[in-house]
Amino acid sequence: MHKPKHEVLSELKAKPERKLAKQICKVVLDHFEKQYSKELGDAWNTVRDILTSPSCWQYAVLLNRFNYPFELEKNLHLKGYHSLFQGSLPYYPQSMKCYLSRTPHRMPSERHQVGNLKQYYLLNAASLLPVLALELRDGEKVLDLCAAPGGKSLALLQCAYPGYLHCNEYDSLRLRWLRQTLESFIPQPLVNVIKVSELDGREMGDAQPETFDKVLVDAPCSNDRSWLFSSDSQKAACRISQRRNLPLLQIELLRSAIKALRPGGLLVYSTCTLSKAENQDVISEVLNSYSNIMPVDIKEMARACSHDFTFAPTGQECGLLVIPDKGKAWGPMYFAKLKKSWTT
């Protein structure tokens, strides 16, 4: 029997709303509650409130210098957006323009159109910090070891013109996403200095030893934001039980990245989790097992960015952790900076 037309229409209207109402996964929240209340102390209460309230989430607008949206920039100013990093960061290229609003306003995403470069990319503003920590200069050879979906590669290209950019992604589905991001934002002549590969990141060091001036390892991790909204609680429970294996993978990826880095080169490690086991502990393990890998002090970055970001103590001069806060709902984002010395 056919439903009356008005019922069908009201169901159609209700569907998008149902899609927007994300359900919090209790299995994951309970697990995080136990761990992060210990690791973050009182700060966890605010972090939890923001992570579990998507209506509070904020989105930064990274402008594409290869198809610069002058009109959009004017409109963003009128809407009260401000330019990110108004403080004096040690490294901040004028070519990178990112705007954010103090309120959780979200711009619509642009559609991918073959032959037309997109004008802006929406992202969590904290994900630009690892990119800036890398201090990319024109002409350098750079490796983005776990590059999908491509936001950090895109941000790197807003900072400088590398001599060679190697974007690697082992997961074939995510690799398609990476290719599309590059195709949507990067002009053809520049695509010629970019290599995209599908290698197990743990093998990159052997494949290209001491090749790169700069290496970014944006490692697979417990993605706290998305895990909290796992729709399949069995899958979520499985993820949590396998979570303890992640630090080993992260350390192996770092070892490979260190091999691929030339002496004198810089490496930045990043995750989008609050977990100490995947952040500080991974970096401590690497620093303790290499005599030629040195921590680089990045406390100055935190001081310069405190207007836009809230940082939790990490106990490390080379590592910073951005935690979501009221009106600064960015993160989680951990990043650490290391240097490979000339002596072994």
C-alpha atoms as a PDB file:
ATOM      1  CA  MET A   1       0.000   0.000   0.000  1.00  0.00           C
ATOM      2  CA  HIS A   2       1.318   3.465  -0.943  1.00  0.00           C
ATOM      3  CA  LYS A   3       1.899   6.019   1.804  1.00  0.00           C
ATOM      4  CA  PRO A   4       0.191   9.419   1.496  1.00  0.00           C
ATOM      5  CA  LYS A   5       2.389  11.994  -0.198  1.00  0.00           C
ATOM      6  CA  HIS A   6       2.693  14.237   2.878  1.00  0.00           C
ATOM      7  CA  GLU A   7       4.024  11.263   4.931  1.00  0.00           C
ATOM      8  CA  VAL A   8       6.649  10.476   2.303  1.00  0.00           C
ATOM      9  CA  LEU A   9       7.704  14.153   2.207  1.00  0.00           C
ATOM     10  CA  SER A  10       7.960  14.409   5.985  1.00  0.00           C
ATOM     11  CA  GLU A  11      10.094  11.231   6.042  1.00  0.00           C
ATOM     12  CA  LEU A  12      12.371  12.649   3.349  1.00  0.00           C
ATOM     13  CA  LYS A  13      12.770  15.827   5.379  1.00  0.00           C
ATOM     14  CA  ALA A  14      13.464  13.856   8.556  1.00  0.00           C
ATOM     15  CA  LYS A  15      16.260  11.794   7.006  1.00  0.00           C
ATOM     16  CA  PRO A  16      18.946  14.497   6.869  1.00  0.00           C
ATOM     17  CA  GLU A  17      18.167  15.416  10.484  1.00  0.00           C
ATOM     18  CA  ARG A  18      18.580  11.795  11.557  1.00  0.00           C
ATOM     19  CA  LYS A  19      21.917  11.735   9.752  1.00  0.00           C
ATOM     20  CA  LEU A  20      23.073  14.858  11.639  1.00  0.00           C
ATOM     21  CA  ALA A  21      22.187  13.466  15.069  1.00  0.00           C
ATOM     22  CA  LYS A  22      25.400  11.531  15.699  1.00  0.00           C
ATOM     23  CA  GLN A  23      25.169   8.873  18.393  1.00  0.00           C
ATOM     24  CA  ILE A  24      27.910   8.673  21.004  1.00  0.00           C
ATOM     25  CA  CYS A  25      29.397   5.208  21.339  1.00  0.00           C
ATOM     26  CA  LYS A  26      29.234   4.316  25.051  1.00  0.00           C
ATOM     27  CA  VAL A  27      31.912   1.601  24.779  1.00  0.00           C
ATOM     28  CA  VAL A  28      34.439   4.148  23.505  1.00  0.00           C
ATOM     29  CA  LEU A  29      33.370   6.930  25.879  1.00  0.00           C
ATOM     30  CA  ASP A  30      33.711   4.645  28.935  1.00  0.00           C
ATOM     31  CA  HIS A  31      37.161   3.561  27.763  1.00  0.00           C
ATOM     32  CA  PHE A  32      38.291   7.167  27.167  1.00  0.00           C
ATOM     33  CA  GLU A  33      36.781   8.266  30.489  1.00  0.00           C
ATOM     34  CA  LYS A  34      38.919   5.766  32.379  1.00  0.00           C
ATOM     35  CA  GLN A  35      42.140   6.649  30.550  1.00  0.00           C
ATOM     36  CA  TYR A  36      41.890  10.398  29.942  1.00  0.00           C
ATOM     37  CA  SER A  37      40.536  11.387  33.375  1.00  0.00           C
ATOM     38  CA  LYS A  38      43.832   9.973  34.692  1.00  0.00           C
ATOM     39  CA  GLU A  39      46.051  11.475  31.979  1.00  0.00           C
ATOM     40  CA  LEU A  40      44.447  14.921  31.669  1.00  0.00           C
ATOM     41  CA  GLY A  41      42.990  15.369  35.161  1.00  0.00           C
ATOM     42  CA  ASP A  42      40.311  18.075  35.455  1.00  0.00           C
ATOM     43  CA  ALA A  43      40.887  19.258  31.865  1.00  0.00           C
ATOM     44  CA  TRP A  44      39.227  16.038  30.645  1.00  0.00           C
ATOM     45  CA  ASN A  45      35.768  17.287  31.731  1.00  0.00           C
ATOM     46  CA  THR A  46      35.869  20.206  29.272  1.00  0.00           C
ATOM     47  CA  VAL A  47      37.540  18.109  26.552  1.00  0.00           C
ATOM     48  CA  ARG A  48      34.866  15.401  26.906  1.00  0.00           C
ATOM     49  CA  ASP A  49      32.035  17.968  26.739  1.00  0.00           C
ATOM     50  CA  ILE A  50      33.370  19.375  23.465  1.00  0.00           C
ATOM     51  CA  LEU A  51      34.280  16.054  21.846  1.00  0.00           C
ATOM     52  CA  THR A  52      30.798  14.707  22.543  1.00  0.00           C
ATOM     53  CA  SER A  53      29.022  17.855  21.238  1.00  0.00           C
ATOM     54  CA  PRO A  54      29.521  18.152  17.454  1.00  0.00           C
ATOM     55  CA  SER A  55      27.471  21.375  17.529  1.00  0.00           C
ATOM     56  CA  CYS A  56      30.479  22.989  19.322  1.00  0.00           C
ATOM     57  CA  TRP A  57      33.032  21.840  16.739  1.00  0.00           C
ATOM     58  CA  GLN A  58      34.793  24.520  14.729  1.00  0.00           C
ATOM     59  CA  TYR A  59      36.160  24.435  11.174  1.00  0.00           C
ATOM     60  CA  ALA A  60      39.012  26.544   9.882  1.00  0.00           C
ATOM     61  CA  VAL A  61      39.119  27.718   6.258  1.00  0.00           C
ATOM     62  CA  LEU A  62      42.487  27.228   4.536  1.00  0.00           C
ATOM     63  CA  LEU A  63      42.619  29.345   1.372  1.00  0.00           C
ATOM     64  CA  ASN A  64      44.199  27.833  -1.733  1.00  0.00           C
ATOM     65  CA  ARG A  65      46.977  30.067  -3.043  1.00  0.00           C
ATOM     66  CA  PHE A  66      46.738  28.358  -6.460  1.00  0.00           C
ATOM     67  CA  ASN A  67      43.191  29.687  -7.006  1.00  0.00           C
ATOM     68  CA  TYR A  68      42.970  32.508  -4.500  1.00  0.00           C
ATOM     69  CA  PRO A  69      39.426  33.445  -3.379  1.00  0.00           C
ATOM     70  CA  PHE A  70      39.698  37.237  -2.875  1.00  0.00           C
ATOM     71  CA  GLU A  71      35.893  37.664  -2.638  1.00  0.00           C
ATOM     72  CA  LEU A  72      35.561  34.874  -0.108  1.00  0.00           C
ATOM     73  CA  GLU A  73      38.351  36.427   1.980  1.00  0.00           C
ATOM     74  CA  LYS A  74      36.406  39.721   2.113  1.00  0.00           C
ATOM     75  CA  ASN A  75      33.239  37.861   3.150  1.00  0.00           C
ATOM     76  CA  LEU A  76      35.077  35.987   5.890  1.00  0.00           C
ATOM     77  CA  HIS A  77      36.277  39.305   7.322  1.00  0.00           C
ATOM     78  CA  LEU A  78      32.698  40.609   7.245  1.00  0.00           C
ATOM     79  CA  LYS A  79      31.455  37.475   9.043  1.00  0.00           C
ATOM     80  CA  GLY A  80      33.964  38.082  11.851  1.00  0.00           C
ATOM     81  CA  TYR A  81      36.522  35.439  10.893  1.00  0.00           C
ATOM     82  CA  HIS A  82      40.099  36.277  11.812  1.00  0.00           C
ATOM     83  CA  SER A  83      43.410  35.198  10.394  1.00  0.00           C
ATOM     84  CA  LEU A  84      45.056  32.325  12.227  1.00  0.00           C
ATOM     85  CA  PHE A  85      48.464  32.798  13.886  1.00  0.00           C
ATOM     86  CA  GLN A  86      48.310  36.525  14.416  1.00  0.00           C
ATOM     87  CA  GLY A  87      51.024  35.955  17.039  1.00  0.00           C
ATOM     88  CA  SER A  88      54.678  35.860  16.062  1.00  0.00           C
ATOM     89  CA  LEU A  89      55.293  32.221  15.138  1.00  0.00           C
ATOM     90  CA  PRO A  90      58.969  31.329  14.599  1.00  0.00           C
ATOM     91  CA  TYR A  91      58.024  30.157  11.069  1.00  0.00           C
ATOM     92  CA  TYR A  92      54.933  31.427   9.314  1.00  0.00           C
ATOM     93  CA  PRO A  93      54.980  31.867   5.531  1.00  0.00           C
ATOM     94  CA  GLN A  94      52.888  34.759   4.189  1.00  0.00           C
ATOM     95  CA  SER A  95      51.587  32.444   1.449  1.00  0.00           C
ATOM     96  CA  MET A  96      49.606  30.378   3.961  1.00  0.00           C
ATOM     97  CA  LYS A  97      46.253  31.994   4.741  1.00  0.00           C
ATOM     98  CA  CYS A  98      43.873  30.352   7.161  1.00  0.00           C
ATOM     99  CA  TYR A  99      40.767  31.910   8.718  1.00  0.00           C
ATOM    100  CA  LEU A 100      38.721  30.874  11.682  1.00  0.00           C
ATOM    101  CA  SER A 101      35.657  31.972  13.551  1.00  0.00           C
ATOM    102  CA  ARG A 102      35.203  31.941  17.310  1.00  0.00           C
ATOM    103  CA  THR A 103      31.754  30.393  16.772  1.00  0.00           C
ATOM    104  CA  PRO A 104      31.036  26.891  15.402  1.00  0.00           C
ATOM    105  CA  HIS A 105      30.010  28.203  11.960  1.00  0.00           C
ATOM    106  CA  ARG A 106      30.771  25.720   9.165  1.00  0.00           C
ATOM    107  CA  MET A 107      31.192  26.791   5.551  1.00  0.00           C
ATOM    108  CA  PRO A 108      29.794  24.402   2.943  1.00  0.00           C
ATOM    109  CA  SER A 109      32.438  22.199   1.303  1.00  0.00           C
ATOM    110  CA  GLU A 110      33.197  22.803  -2.365  1.00  0.00           C
ATOM    111  CA  ARG A 111      32.337  20.065  -4.865  1.00  0.00           C
ATOM    112  CA  HIS A 112      35.098  18.395  -6.823  1.00  0.00           C
ATOM    113  CA  GLN A 113      34.999  19.504 -10.476  1.00  0.00           C
ATOM    114  CA  VAL A 114      37.466  18.162 -13.002  1.00  0.00           C
ATOM    115  CA  GLY A 115      39.561  20.996 -14.433  1.00  0.00           C
ATOM    116  CA  ASN A 116      38.593  23.524 -11.719  1.00  0.00           C
ATOM    117  CA  LEU A 117      40.800  24.068  -8.686  1.00  0.00           C
ATOM    118  CA  LYS A 118      38.997  24.429  -5.368  1.00  0.00           C
ATOM    119  CA  GLN A 119      39.462  27.703  -3.511  1.00  0.00           C
ATOM    120  CA  TYR A 120      39.417  26.553   0.103  1.00  0.00           C
ATOM    121  CA  TYR A 121      39.812  23.496   2.325  1.00  0.00           C
ATOM    122  CA  LEU A 122      37.971  22.983   5.632  1.00  0.00           C
ATOM    123  CA  LEU A 123      40.030  21.516   8.454  1.00  0.00           C
ATOM    124  CA  ASN A 124      40.715  21.327  12.163  1.00  0.00           C
ATOM    125  CA  ALA A 125      43.022  24.333  12.624  1.00  0.00           C
ATOM    126  CA  ALA A 126      45.307  22.336  14.954  1.00  0.00           C
ATOM    127  CA  SER A 127      46.328  20.110  12.035  1.00  0.00           C
ATOM    128  CA  LEU A 128      48.294  23.046  10.575  1.00  0.00           C
ATOM    129  CA  LEU A 129      50.652  23.104  13.571  1.00  0.00           C
ATOM    130  CA  PRO A 130      52.647  19.947  12.632  1.00  0.00           C
ATOM    131  CA  VAL A 131      52.989  21.352   9.094  1.00  0.00           C
ATOM    132  CA  LEU A 132      54.336  24.672  10.384  1.00  0.00           C
ATOM    133  CA  ALA A 133      56.675  22.872  12.796  1.00  0.00           C
ATOM    134  CA  LEU A 134      58.321  21.237   9.749  1.00  0.00           C
ATOM    135  CA  GLU A 135      59.486  24.678   8.495  1.00  0.00           C
ATOM    136  CA  LEU A 136      59.392  23.763   4.803  1.00  0.00           C
ATOM    137  CA  ARG A 137      61.579  25.869   2.482  1.00  0.00           C
ATOM    138  CA  ASP A 138      61.488  26.198  -1.308  1.00  0.00           C
ATOM    139  CA  GLY A 139      63.396  23.460  -3.107  1.00  0.00           C
ATOM    140  CA  GLU A 140      63.495  20.944  -0.242  1.00  0.00           C
ATOM    141  CA  LYS A 141      62.686  17.253  -0.613  1.00  0.00           C
ATOM    142  CA  VAL A 142      59.812  16.335   1.676  1.00  0.00           C
ATOM    143  CA  LEU A 143      58.042  13.089   2.566  1.00  0.00           C
ATOM    144  CA  ASP A 144      54.478  12.875   3.898  1.00  0.00           C
ATOM    145  CA  LEU A 145      54.589   9.229   5.016  1.00  0.00           C
ATOM    146  CA  CYS A 146      50.890   8.676   5.893  1.00  0.00           C
ATOM    147  CA  ALA A 147      49.416  11.347   3.637  1.00  0.00           C
ATOM    148  CA  ALA A 148      45.667  10.652   3.194  1.00  0.00           C
ATOM    149  CA  PRO A 149      43.276  12.403   3.045  1.00  0.00           C
ATOM    150  CA  GLY A 150      45.791  15.043   1.883  1.00  0.00           C
ATOM    151  CA  GLY A 151      45.085  18.089   4.063  1.00  0.00           C
ATOM    152  CA  LYS A 152      48.616  18.269   5.455  1.00  0.00           C
ATOM    153  CA  SER A 153      50.232  17.772   2.015  1.00  0.00           C
ATOM    154  CA  LEU A 154      48.018  20.561   0.732  1.00  0.00           C
ATOM    155  CA  ALA A 155      49.033  22.790   3.672  1.00  0.00           C
ATOM    156  CA  LEU A 156      52.719  22.048   3.008  1.00  0.00           C
ATOM    157  CA  LEU A 157      52.251  23.303  -0.548  1.00  0.00           C
ATOM    158  CA  GLN A 158      50.698  26.523   0.773  1.00  0.00           C
ATOM    159  CA  CYS A 159      53.946  27.121   2.717  1.00  0.00           C
ATOM    160  CA  ALA A 160      56.609  26.601   0.047  1.00  0.00           C
ATOM    161  CA  TYR A 161      57.441  25.082  -3.352  1.00  0.00           C
ATOM    162  CA  PRO A 162      59.272  21.842  -2.551  1.00  0.00           C
ATOM    163  CA  GLY A 163      61.809  20.464  -5.013  1.00  0.00           C
ATOM    164  CA  TYR A 164      60.086  17.109  -4.524  1.00  0.00           C
ATOM    165  CA  LEU A 165      57.066  16.049  -2.446  1.00  0.00           C
ATOM    166  CA  HIS A 166      56.496  12.346  -1.865  1.00  0.00           C
ATOM    167  CA  CYS A 167      52.956  11.576  -0.606  1.00  0.00           C
ATOM    168  CA  ASN A 168      52.614   7.998   0.574  1.00  0.00           C
ATOM    169  CA  GLU A 169      49.450   6.171   1.685  1.00  0.00           C
ATOM    170  CA  TYR A 170      49.237   2.418   2.312  1.00  0.00           C
ATOM    171  CA  ASP A 171      45.420   2.170   2.472  1.00  0.00           C
ATOM    172  CA  SER A 172      44.057   1.955  -1.094  1.00  0.00           C
ATOM    173  CA  LEU A 173      40.678   3.592  -0.299  1.00  0.00           C
ATOM    174  CA  ARG A 174      42.347   6.491   1.466  1.00  0.00           C
ATOM    175  CA  LEU A 175      44.852   6.720  -1.396  1.00  0.00           C
ATOM    176  CA  ARG A 176      41.982   7.530  -3.814  1.00  0.00           C
ATOM    177  CA  TRP A 177      40.894  10.299  -1.452  1.00  0.00           C
ATOM    178  CA  LEU A 178      44.467  11.656  -1.349  1.00  0.00           C
ATOM    179  CA  ARG A 179      44.750  11.702  -5.160  1.00  0.00           C
ATOM    180  CA  GLN A 180      41.443  13.543  -5.438  1.00  0.00           C
ATOM    181  CA  THR A 181      42.504  16.166  -2.859  1.00  0.00           C
ATOM    182  CA  LEU A 182      45.723  16.857  -4.789  1.00  0.00           C
ATOM    183  CA  GLU A 183      43.892  16.971  -8.128  1.00  0.00           C
ATOM    184  CA  SER A 184      41.285  19.366  -6.664  1.00  0.00           C
ATOM    185  CA  PHE A 185      43.736  21.921  -5.272  1.00  0.00           C
ATOM    186  CA  ILE A 186      47.100  21.698  -7.018  1.00  0.00           C
ATOM    187  CA  PRO A 187      47.841  23.036 -10.540  1.00  0.00           C
ATOM    188  CA  GLN A 188      49.242  20.628 -13.129  1.00  0.00           C
ATOM    189  CA  PRO A 189      52.823  22.021 -13.300  1.00  0.00           C
ATOM    190  CA  LEU A 190      53.231  21.506  -9.549  1.00  0.00           C
ATOM    191  CA  VAL A 191      51.747  18.007  -9.711  1.00  0.00           C
ATOM    192  CA  ASN A 192      54.903  17.087 -11.654  1.00  0.00           C
ATOM    193  CA  VAL A 193      57.072  17.490  -8.527  1.00  0.00           C
ATOM    194  CA  ILE A 194      54.684  15.321  -6.470  1.00  0.00           C
ATOM    195  CA  LYS A 195      55.001  11.545  -6.322  1.00  0.00           C
ATOM    196  CA  VAL A 196      52.113   9.513  -4.879  1.00  0.00           C
ATOM    197  CA  SER A 197      52.869   5.969  -3.709  1.00  0.00           C
ATOM    198  CA  GLU A 198      51.050   3.114  -1.957  1.00  0.00           C
ATOM    199  CA  LEU A 199      53.909   1.615   0.055  1.00  0.00           C
ATOM    200  CA  ASP A 200      53.752   0.180   3.557  1.00  0.00           C
ATOM    201  CA  GLY A 201      55.256   3.165   5.395  1.00  0.00           C
ATOM    202  CA  ARG A 202      57.440   0.785   7.427  1.00  0.00           C
ATOM    203  CA  GLU A 203      59.348  -0.025   4.224  1.00  0.00           C
ATOM    204  CA  MET A 204      59.968   3.552   3.059  1.00  0.00           C
ATOM    205  CA  GLY A 205      63.284   3.919   4.907  1.00  0.00           C
ATOM    206  CA  ASP A 206      64.767   0.909   3.129  1.00  0.00           C
ATOM    207  CA  ALA A 207      63.301   2.011  -0.221  1.00  0.00           C
ATOM    208  CA  GLN A 208      64.627   5.611   0.019  1.00  0.00           C
ATOM    209  CA  PRO A 209      67.377   5.867   2.643  1.00  0.00           C
ATOM    210  CA  GLU A 210      68.623   9.348   3.627  1.00  0.00           C
ATOM    211  CA  THR A 211      66.665  10.984   0.789  1.00  0.00           C
ATOM    212  CA  PHE A 212      64.537  13.677   2.432  1.00  0.00           C
ATOM    213  CA  ASP A 213      65.253  17.051   4.060  1.00  0.00           C
ATOM    214  CA  LYS A 214      61.921  16.991   5.930  1.00  0.00           C
ATOM    215  CA  VAL A 215      59.612  14.118   6.895  1.00  0.00           C
ATOM    216  CA  LEU A 216      56.070  14.292   8.281  1.00  0.00           C
ATOM    217  CA  VAL A 217      54.684  11.196  10.027  1.00  0.00           C
ATOM    218  CA  ASP A 218      50.980  11.872  10.634  1.00  0.00           C
ATOM    219  CA  ALA A 219      50.560   8.391  12.062  1.00  0.00           C
ATOM    220  CA  PRO A 220      47.513   6.111  12.132  1.00  0.00           C
ATOM    221  CA  CYS A 221      46.131   6.498  15.672  1.00  0.00           C
ATOM    222  CA  SER A 222      43.078   6.254  17.909  1.00  0.00           C
ATOM    223  CA  ASN A 223      41.142   9.006  16.169  1.00  0.00           C
ATOM    224  CA  ASP A 224      39.371  10.227  19.316  1.00  0.00           C
ATOM    225  CA  ARG A 225      36.784  12.434  17.582  1.00  0.00           C
ATOM    226  CA  SER A 226      35.550   9.844  15.102  1.00  0.00           C
ATOM    227  CA  TRP A 227      35.902   6.829  17.435  1.00  0.00           C
ATOM    228  CA  LEU A 228      33.476   8.463  19.891  1.00  0.00           C
ATOM    229  CA  PHE A 229      30.802   8.282  17.196  1.00  0.00           C
ATOM    230  CA  SER A 230      31.407   4.694  16.018  1.00  0.00           C
ATOM    231  CA  SER A 231      28.029   3.456  14.795  1.00  0.00           C
ATOM    232  CA  ASP A 232      28.965  -0.214  15.286  1.00  0.00           C
ATOM    233  CA  SER A 233      29.668  -0.936  18.970  1.00  0.00           C
ATOM    234  CA  GLN A 234      31.136  -4.396  18.196  1.00  0.00           C
ATOM    235  CA  LYS A 235      33.594  -2.808  15.776  1.00  0.00           C
ATOM    236  CA  ALA A 236      34.341  -0.153  18.407  1.00  0.00           C
ATOM    237  CA  ALA A 237      35.092  -2.803  21.042  1.00  0.00           C
ATOM    238  CA  CYS A 238      37.382  -4.525  18.545  1.00  0.00           C
ATOM    239  CA  ARG A 239      39.182  -1.220  17.847  1.00  0.00           C
ATOM    240  CA  ILE A 240      39.711  -0.672  21.564  1.00  0.00           C
ATOM    241  CA  SER A 241      41.159  -4.149  22.082  1.00  0.00           C
ATOM    242  CA  GLN A 242      43.546  -3.610  19.131  1.00  0.00           C
ATOM    243  CA  ARG A 243      44.417  -0.095  20.315  1.00  0.00           C
ATOM    244  CA  ARG A 244      47.336  -1.332  22.390  1.00  0.00           C
ATOM    245  CA  ASN A 245      49.068  -2.460  19.157  1.00  0.00           C
ATOM    246  CA  LEU A 246      49.098   1.061  17.689  1.00  0.00           C
ATOM    247  CA  PRO A 247      52.242   2.339  19.517  1.00  0.00           C
ATOM    248  CA  LEU A 248      54.288  -0.505  18.019  1.00  0.00           C
ATOM    249  CA  LEU A 249      53.120   0.427  14.491  1.00  0.00           C
ATOM    250  CA  GLN A 250      53.787   4.105  15.204  1.00  0.00           C
ATOM    251  CA  ILE A 251      57.341   3.359  16.405  1.00  0.00           C
ATOM    252  CA  GLU A 252      58.006   1.211  13.304  1.00  0.00           C
ATOM    253  CA  LEU A 253      56.768   4.037  11.056  1.00  0.00           C
ATOM    254  CA  LEU A 254      59.044   6.484  12.895  1.00  0.00           C
ATOM    255  CA  ARG A 255      62.046   4.164  12.529  1.00  0.00           C
ATOM    256  CA  SER A 256      61.381   3.978   8.792  1.00  0.00           C
ATOM    257  CA  ALA A 257      60.978   7.776   8.578  1.00  0.00           C
ATOM    258  CA  ILE A 258      64.276   8.300  10.432  1.00  0.00           C
ATOM    259  CA  LYS A 259      66.007   6.044   7.897  1.00  0.00           C
ATOM    260  CA  ALA A 260      64.489   8.060   5.019  1.00  0.00           C
ATOM    261  CA  LEU A 261      65.645  11.360   6.569  1.00  0.00           C
ATOM    262  CA  ARG A 262      69.045  12.782   5.612  1.00  0.00           C
ATOM    263  CA  PRO A 263      71.475  13.788   8.380  1.00  0.00           C
ATOM    264  CA  GLY A 264      70.665  17.366   9.415  1.00  0.00           C
ATOM    265  CA  GLY A 265      67.020  16.883   8.390  1.00  0.00           C
ATOM    266  CA  LEU A 266      63.876  17.517  10.466  1.00  0.00           C
ATOM    267  CA  LEU A 267      61.051  15.109  11.303  1.00  0.00           C
ATOM    268  CA  VAL A 268      57.619  15.898  12.749  1.00  0.00           C
ATOM    269  CA  TYR A 269      55.449  13.176  14.260  1.00  0.00           C
ATOM    270  CA  SER A 270      51.727  13.862  14.795  1.00  0.00           C
ATOM    271  CA  THR A 271      48.500  12.166  15.867  1.00  0.00           C
ATOM    272  CA  CYS A 272      44.905  13.244  16.489  1.00  0.00           C
ATOM    273  CA  THR A 273      44.601  11.389  19.798  1.00  0.00           C
ATOM    274  CA  LEU A 274      45.020  12.455  23.422  1.00  0.00           C
ATOM    275  CA  SER A 275      46.593   9.101  24.300  1.00  0.00           C
ATOM    276  CA  LYS A 276      49.975   9.359  26.058  1.00  0.00           C
ATOM    277  CA  ALA A 277      50.860   5.810  24.910  1.00  0.00           C
ATOM    278  CA  GLU A 278      50.595   6.937  21.260  1.00  0.00           C
ATOM    279  CA  ASN A 279      52.161  10.354  21.823  1.00  0.00           C
ATOM    280  CA  GLN A 280      54.807  11.092  24.461  1.00  0.00           C
ATOM    281  CA  ASP A 281      55.632   7.407  25.061  1.00  0.00           C
ATOM    282  CA  VAL A 282      56.275   6.773  21.353  1.00  0.00           C
ATOM    283  CA  ILE A 283      58.618   9.785  21.133  1.00  0.00           C
ATOM    284  CA  SER A 284      60.423   8.837  24.370  1.00  0.00           C
ATOM    285  CA  GLU A 285      60.998   5.312  23.047  1.00  0.00           C
ATOM    286  CA  VAL A 286      62.501   6.678  19.808  1.00  0.00           C
ATOM    287  CA  LEU A 287      64.696   9.242  21.596  1.00  0.00           C
ATOM    288  CA  ASN A 288      65.967   6.559  23.976  1.00  0.00           C
ATOM    289  CA  SER A 289      66.889   4.175  21.179  1.00  0.00           C
ATOM    290  CA  TYR A 290      68.747   6.553  18.785  1.00  0.00           C
ATOM    291  CA  SER A 291      71.891   8.487  19.644  1.00  0.00           C
ATOM    292  CA  ASN A 292      71.615  10.562  16.426  1.00  0.00           C
ATOM    293  CA  ILE A 293      68.002  11.749  16.932  1.00  0.00           C
ATOM    294  CA  MET A 294      67.668  14.959  18.915  1.00  0.00           C
ATOM    295  CA  PRO A 295      64.532  16.617  20.361  1.00  0.00           C
ATOM    296  CA  VAL A 296      63.822  20.123  19.040  1.00  0.00           C
ATOM    297  CA  ASP A 297      62.336  22.571  21.551  1.00  0.00           C
ATOM    298  CA  ILE A 298      58.960  23.870  20.248  1.00  0.00           C
ATOM    299  CA  LYS A 299      57.630  25.546  23.410  1.00  0.00           C
ATOM    300  CA  GLU A 300      57.836  28.900  21.596  1.00  0.00           C
ATOM    301  CA  MET A 301      55.119  27.690  19.189  1.00  0.00           C
ATOM    302  CA  ALA A 302      52.739  27.125  22.102  1.00  0.00           C
ATOM    303  CA  ARG A 303      53.423  30.613  23.477  1.00  0.00           C
ATOM    304  CA  ALA A 304      52.832  32.229  20.071  1.00  0.00           C
ATOM    305  CA  CYS A 305      49.589  30.252  19.488  1.00  0.00           C
ATOM    306  CA  SER A 306      47.997  30.474  22.941  1.00  0.00           C
ATOM    307  CA  HIS A 307      45.476  33.044  21.649  1.00  0.00           C
ATOM    308  CA  ASP A 308      43.883  30.426  19.350  1.00  0.00           C
ATOM    309  CA  PHE A 309      44.756  27.061  20.957  1.00  0.00           C
ATOM    310  CA  THR A 310      44.729  25.429  24.396  1.00  0.00           C
ATOM    311  CA  PHE A 311      47.693  23.187  25.189  1.00  0.00           C
ATOM    312  CA  ALA A 312      47.916  20.454  27.831  1.00  0.00           C
ATOM    313  CA  PRO A 313      51.273  19.800  29.535  1.00  0.00           C
ATOM    314  CA  THR A 314      53.231  16.969  27.868  1.00  0.00           C
ATOM    315  CA  GLY A 315      56.370  16.933  30.019  1.00  0.00           C
ATOM    316  CA  GLN A 316      58.365  17.311  26.779  1.00  0.00           C
ATOM    317  CA  GLU A 317      60.035  20.369  25.251  1.00  0.00           C
ATOM    318  CA  CYS A 318      59.824  18.766  21.792  1.00  0.00           C
ATOM    319  CA  GLY A 319      56.126  17.765  22.025  1.00  0.00           C
ATOM    320  CA  LEU A 320      52.883  19.759  22.233  1.00  0.00           C
ATOM    321  CA  LEU A 321      49.305  18.577  22.752  1.00  0.00           C
ATOM    322  CA  VAL A 322      46.355  20.726  21.612  1.00  0.00           C
ATOM    323  CA  ILE A 323      43.190  19.937  23.557  1.00  0.00           C
ATOM    324  CA  PRO A 324      39.657  21.110  22.673  1.00  0.00           C
ATOM    325  CA  ASP A 325      38.466  24.007  24.837  1.00  0.00           C
ATOM    326  CA  LYS A 326      35.428  26.320  24.910  1.00  0.00           C
ATOM    327  CA  GLY A 327      35.671  28.752  21.976  1.00  0.00           C
ATOM    328  CA  LYS A 328      38.860  26.963  20.857  1.00  0.00           C
ATOM    329  CA  ALA A 329      37.421  23.582  19.948  1.00  0.00           C
ATOM    330  CA  TRP A 330      40.557  22.504  18.029  1.00  0.00           C
ATOM    331  CA  GLY A 331      42.372  19.206  18.452  1.00  0.00           C
ATOM    332  CA  PRO A 332      43.105  16.726  19.800  1.00  0.00           C
ATOM    333  CA  MET A 333      46.454  17.128  18.035  1.00  0.00           C
ATOM    334  CA  TYR A 334      49.801  15.987  19.354  1.00  0.00           C
ATOM    335  CA  PHE A 335      52.997  16.794  17.489  1.00  0.00           C
ATOM    336  CA  ALA A 336      56.696  16.423  18.235  1.00  0.00           C
ATOM    337  CA  LYS A 337      59.759  17.688  16.390  1.00  0.00           C
ATOM    338  CA  LEU A 338      63.009  15.773  16.014  1.00  0.00           C
ATOM    339  CA  LYS A 339      66.308  16.377  14.230  1.00  0.00           C
ATOM    340  CA  LYS A 340      68.718  13.822  12.781  1.00  0.00           C
ATOM    341  CA  SER A 341      72.272  14.769  13.652  1.00  0.00           C
ATOM    342  CA  TRP A 342      75.324  14.169  11.466  1.00  0.00           C
ATOM    343  CA  THR A 343      76.964  11.798  13.939  1.00  0.00           C
ATOM    344  CA  THR A 344      75.663   8.281  14.446  1.00  0.00           C
END
